[in-house]
Amino acid sequence: MLGLSAVSLVYLYYNLLVMDAKLIESLQKRYAVKRFDPTKKLSDKQLDALLEVARLTATSYGLQLMKIVVVEDQELREKLVDCSFGQRQVADASHLLVLCRERDIDLDHIEDYVENISSTRDIEKETLSGFKNAMTNSILTKRKEDQINWMDKQVYIALGKLLAACAILEIGSCPMEGFIPEEYDEVLGLDKLNLASVLALPVGFSASDDPNAKRKKVRRSQDKFVITI
């Protein structure tokens, strides 16, 4: 902050307070949309913003062992309703995002990532050999089920970022575990992409008769939620 005038500092502090208030207010208003308005669509700019938020999310080592599948085909989305225990959000929302993890991870994933680091940061790959070996020894020695559990957790981090972004951008969302992953994978052909579905996230705008829209948010009070030691 060196070189900033007193007026600039006050303005900066004010903006920080406004942003803090906006974030909290947005999260207080956020709820799981149960009924979307199928006539209201996200703009390309809004969709791109959400996808970029997900792309920038934190992942272990920065490996990004996940992808997002944007399901635009309405016929496919109707099929997914049956795989989602009849929940119409997957078909009626403006867009359906399916958050996926890699089905299998091998040395190629790690080598591609090291190559990306090298080219992005303009450094020699040889200097990254220690980092590469650390990832290889940590990840590829895990049991298959432990690898899957580890990758699933990465996807949940992305979901949290997306829900916060939707709240701030005033976009409705409904995080869903309530679907049959194996059937999603079959309908969408995800196995051919070495992907497995983990979460579904319909996004769009709530219908005027959405039952959740006017319900008060129920959360523990902060004194029952936060422990300071």
Protein backbone atom coordinates (compact mmCIF):
# COMPACT_ATOMS: atom_id res chain seq x y z
CA MET A 1 0.00 0.00 0.00
CA LEU A 2 3.03 2.29 -0.11
CA GLY A 3 2.40 5.43 -2.10
CA LEU A 4 -1.39 5.37 -1.69
CA SER A 5 -2.99 8.60 -0.51
CA ALA A 6 -5.26 8.72 2.53
CA VAL A 7 -8.27 9.05 0.21
CA SER A 8 -7.17 6.00 -1.79
CA LEU A 9 -6.74 3.97 1.38
CA VAL A 10 -10.20 4.90 2.61
CA TYR A 11 -11.66 4.02 -0.80
CA LEU A 12 -9.84 0.67 -0.82
CA TYR A 13 -10.99 -0.16 2.70
CA TYR A 14 -14.56 0.78 1.81
CA ASN A 15 -14.50 -1.47 -1.25
CA LEU A 16 -13.20 -4.36 0.85
CA LEU A 17 -16.05 -3.90 3.31
CA VAL A 18 -18.56 -3.79 0.46
CA MET A 19 -17.13 -6.97 -1.07
CA ASP A 20 -17.22 -8.76 2.28
CA ALA A 21 -20.83 -7.73 2.81
CA LYS A 22 -21.75 -8.77 -0.74
CA LEU A 23 -20.18 -12.20 -0.28
CA ILE A 24 -21.95 -12.91 3.00
CA GLU A 25 -25.27 -11.56 1.72
CA SER A 26 -25.01 -13.71 -1.41
CA LEU A 27 -24.29 -16.86 0.60
CA GLN A 28 -27.15 -16.09 2.99
CA LYS A 29 -29.53 -15.93 0.03
CA ARG A 30 -28.19 -19.07 -1.67
CA TYR A 31 -30.41 -22.16 -1.60
CA ALA A 32 -30.83 -25.40 -3.53
CA VAL A 33 -33.24 -24.72 -6.39
CA LYS A 34 -35.86 -27.41 -6.65
CA ARG A 35 -37.74 -25.99 -9.62
CA PHE A 36 -36.00 -24.17 -12.48
CA ASP A 37 -37.61 -21.97 -15.11
CA PRO A 38 -36.75 -23.78 -18.37
CA THR A 39 -37.40 -20.61 -20.41
CA LYS A 40 -34.60 -18.64 -18.73
CA LYS A 41 -31.07 -19.31 -19.94
CA LEU A 42 -27.62 -18.30 -18.77
CA SER A 43 -25.71 -16.05 -21.12
CA ASP A 44 -22.51 -17.37 -22.68
CA LYS A 45 -20.61 -14.95 -20.45
CA GLN A 46 -22.25 -16.31 -17.29
CA LEU A 47 -21.58 -19.92 -18.28
CA ASP A 48 -17.97 -19.16 -19.20
CA ALA A 49 -17.49 -17.46 -15.81
CA LEU A 50 -18.68 -20.58 -13.96
CA LEU A 51 -16.49 -22.88 -16.02
CA GLU A 52 -13.48 -20.65 -15.40
CA VAL A 53 -14.17 -20.66 -11.66
CA ALA A 54 -14.11 -24.46 -11.74
CA ARG A 55 -10.95 -24.53 -13.86
CA LEU A 56 -9.15 -22.29 -11.37
CA THR A 57 -10.13 -24.32 -8.32
CA ALA A 58 -7.49 -25.71 -6.01
CA THR A 59 -6.53 -29.38 -6.44
CA SER A 60 -3.94 -31.55 -4.77
CA TYR A 61 -0.54 -30.91 -6.38
CA GLY A 62 -2.45 -28.81 -8.94
CA LEU A 63 -2.98 -31.99 -11.01
CA GLN A 64 -6.63 -31.29 -11.94
CA LEU A 65 -7.67 -34.92 -12.17
CA MET A 66 -11.19 -33.83 -13.05
CA LYS A 67 -13.23 -32.41 -15.88
CA ILE A 68 -16.63 -30.77 -16.25
CA VAL A 69 -19.07 -32.09 -18.82
CA VAL A 70 -21.63 -29.52 -19.98
CA VAL A 71 -24.70 -31.43 -21.10
CA GLU A 72 -26.54 -29.34 -23.70
CA ASP A 73 -28.41 -32.09 -25.55
CA GLN A 74 -31.98 -31.92 -24.22
CA GLU A 75 -32.77 -35.50 -25.16
CA LEU A 76 -29.83 -36.72 -23.09
CA ARG A 77 -30.89 -34.54 -20.19
CA GLU A 78 -34.38 -36.05 -20.26
CA LYS A 79 -32.80 -39.51 -20.05
CA LEU A 80 -30.80 -38.37 -17.05
CA VAL A 81 -34.00 -37.51 -15.16
CA ASP A 82 -34.67 -41.24 -14.76
CA CYS A 83 -31.08 -41.70 -13.53
CA SER A 84 -31.66 -38.88 -11.02
CA PHE A 85 -34.65 -40.42 -9.22
CA GLY A 86 -37.07 -38.24 -11.19
CA GLN A 87 -35.50 -34.91 -10.24
CA ARG A 88 -36.48 -32.53 -13.04
CA GLN A 89 -33.75 -30.01 -12.29
CA VAL A 90 -31.32 -31.86 -14.56
CA ALA A 91 -33.62 -31.31 -17.54
CA ASP A 92 -35.25 -27.96 -16.71
CA ALA A 93 -32.22 -25.93 -15.62
CA SER A 94 -30.54 -23.67 -18.12
CA HIS A 95 -27.43 -25.86 -18.11
CA LEU A 96 -26.40 -29.14 -16.54
CA LEU A 97 -22.82 -29.46 -15.33
CA VAL A 98 -21.58 -32.94 -14.51
CA LEU A 99 -18.45 -32.86 -12.38
CA CYS A 100 -16.25 -35.84 -13.13
CA ARG A 101 -12.98 -37.37 -12.01
CA GLU A 102 -10.52 -39.35 -14.06
CA ARG A 103 -11.50 -43.01 -14.10
CA ASP A 104 -7.86 -44.12 -13.96
CA ILE A 105 -4.66 -42.24 -13.25
CA ASP A 106 -1.28 -43.26 -14.61
CA LEU A 107 2.18 -41.85 -15.22
CA ASP A 108 0.99 -40.03 -18.35
CA HIS A 109 -1.15 -37.68 -16.24
CA ILE A 110 1.83 -36.73 -14.12
CA GLU A 111 4.18 -36.32 -17.08
CA ASP A 112 1.65 -34.12 -18.92
CA TYR A 113 1.34 -31.94 -15.82
CA VAL A 114 5.11 -31.60 -15.47
CA GLU A 115 5.29 -30.62 -19.15
CA ASN A 116 2.58 -27.99 -18.55
CA ILE A 117 4.48 -26.54 -15.59
CA SER A 118 7.68 -26.44 -17.63
CA SER A 119 6.13 -24.62 -20.59
CA THR A 120 3.93 -22.28 -18.51
CA ARG A 121 6.71 -21.16 -16.16
CA ASP A 122 9.50 -21.46 -18.72
CA ILE A 123 11.66 -23.75 -16.63
CA GLU A 124 13.60 -26.91 -17.49
CA LYS A 125 11.73 -30.16 -16.92
CA GLU A 126 14.80 -31.65 -15.29
CA THR A 127 14.44 -29.24 -12.37
CA LEU A 128 11.01 -30.72 -11.70
CA SER A 129 12.19 -34.32 -11.38
CA GLY A 130 11.97 -34.28 -7.59
CA PHE A 131 8.39 -32.98 -7.70
CA LYS A 132 7.50 -35.54 -10.37
CA ASN A 133 8.94 -38.40 -8.32
CA ALA A 134 7.14 -37.20 -5.19
CA MET A 135 3.79 -37.24 -7.03
CA THR A 136 4.51 -40.59 -8.63
CA ASN A 137 5.49 -42.24 -5.34
CA SER A 138 2.55 -40.73 -3.48
CA ILE A 139 -0.23 -41.28 -6.01
CA LEU A 140 0.58 -44.29 -8.14
CA THR A 141 1.39 -46.45 -5.12
CA LYS A 142 -2.10 -45.94 -3.66
CA ARG A 143 -4.67 -48.70 -3.90
CA LYS A 144 -7.23 -48.18 -6.64
CA GLU A 145 -10.04 -47.44 -4.17
CA ASP A 146 -7.85 -44.92 -2.35
CA GLN A 147 -7.04 -43.17 -5.63
CA ILE A 148 -10.76 -42.92 -6.40
CA ASN A 149 -11.59 -41.55 -2.94
CA TRP A 150 -8.76 -39.02 -3.22
CA MET A 151 -9.90 -37.82 -6.66
CA ASP A 152 -13.55 -37.61 -5.54
CA LYS A 153 -12.52 -35.19 -2.79
CA GLN A 154 -10.93 -32.89 -5.36
CA VAL A 155 -14.25 -32.65 -7.19
CA TYR A 156 -16.03 -31.51 -4.03
CA ILE A 157 -13.59 -28.61 -3.73
CA ALA A 158 -14.65 -27.47 -7.20
CA LEU A 159 -18.32 -27.80 -6.23
CA GLY A 160 -17.82 -25.45 -3.28
CA LYS A 161 -16.25 -22.82 -5.51
CA LEU A 162 -19.07 -23.16 -8.06
CA LEU A 163 -21.80 -22.77 -5.44
CA ALA A 164 -20.17 -19.61 -4.08
CA ALA A 165 -19.76 -18.23 -7.61
CA CYS A 166 -23.39 -18.95 -8.44
CA ALA A 167 -24.49 -17.13 -5.28
CA ILE A 168 -22.41 -14.05 -6.07
CA LEU A 169 -23.52 -14.00 -9.71
CA GLU A 170 -27.18 -14.52 -8.67
CA ILE A 171 -27.42 -17.79 -10.58
CA GLY A 172 -29.57 -20.58 -9.18
CA SER A 173 -27.98 -23.94 -8.51
CA CYS A 174 -28.75 -27.34 -7.03
CA PRO A 175 -25.82 -29.57 -6.00
CA MET A 176 -26.78 -33.20 -6.50
CA GLU A 177 -25.41 -36.47 -5.24
CA GLY A 178 -28.83 -38.00 -5.79
CA PHE A 179 -28.24 -39.79 -9.06
CA ILE A 180 -26.89 -43.14 -10.24
CA PRO A 181 -23.30 -42.51 -11.41
CA GLU A 182 -23.00 -45.71 -13.42
CA GLU A 183 -26.12 -44.81 -15.44
CA TYR A 184 -24.92 -41.24 -15.99
CA ASP A 185 -21.62 -42.62 -17.23
CA GLU A 186 -23.42 -44.91 -19.67
CA VAL A 187 -25.84 -42.29 -21.00
CA LEU A 188 -23.09 -39.72 -21.50
CA GLY A 189 -20.44 -42.17 -22.71
CA LEU A 190 -18.05 -41.01 -20.01
CA ASP A 191 -16.11 -44.27 -19.84
CA LYS A 192 -14.85 -43.59 -23.37
CA LEU A 193 -13.38 -40.32 -22.02
CA ASN A 194 -11.77 -42.06 -19.03
CA LEU A 195 -14.20 -40.14 -16.79
CA ALA A 196 -16.54 -41.09 -13.98
CA SER A 197 -19.35 -38.82 -12.78
CA VAL A 198 -19.16 -37.66 -9.16
CA LEU A 199 -21.62 -34.76 -8.84
CA ALA A 200 -24.32 -33.09 -10.91
CA LEU A 201 -24.93 -29.35 -10.79
CA PRO A 202 -27.95 -27.94 -12.62
CA VAL A 203 -27.60 -24.14 -12.93
CA GLY A 204 -30.00 -21.49 -14.14
CA PHE A 205 -32.86 -19.45 -12.71
CA SER A 206 -35.53 -20.58 -10.29
CA ALA A 207 -39.17 -20.78 -11.29
CA SER A 208 -41.65 -18.40 -9.65
CA ASP A 209 -43.20 -21.35 -7.79
CA ASP A 210 -39.92 -22.85 -6.57
CA PRO A 211 -40.82 -24.19 -3.08
CA ASN A 212 -37.39 -23.43 -1.63
CA ALA A 213 -37.26 -19.80 -2.69
CA LYS A 214 -38.92 -18.31 0.38
CA ARG A 215 -37.81 -20.76 3.02
CA LYS A 216 -35.53 -19.38 5.72
CA LYS A 217 -31.98 -20.72 5.72
CA VAL A 218 -31.43 -23.10 8.62
CA ARG A 219 -27.88 -23.28 9.96
CA ARG A 220 -26.24 -23.71 13.36
CA SER A 221 -25.44 -20.44 15.09
CA GLN A 222 -21.78 -19.46 14.92
CA ASP A 223 -21.20 -20.19 18.62
CA LYS A 224 -22.36 -23.78 17.97
CA PHE A 225 -20.37 -24.09 14.77
CA VAL A 226 -16.98 -22.52 15.54
CA ILE A 227 -14.60 -23.89 18.17
CA THR A 228 -11.63 -21.74 19.13
CA ILE A 229 -8.80 -23.51 20.95
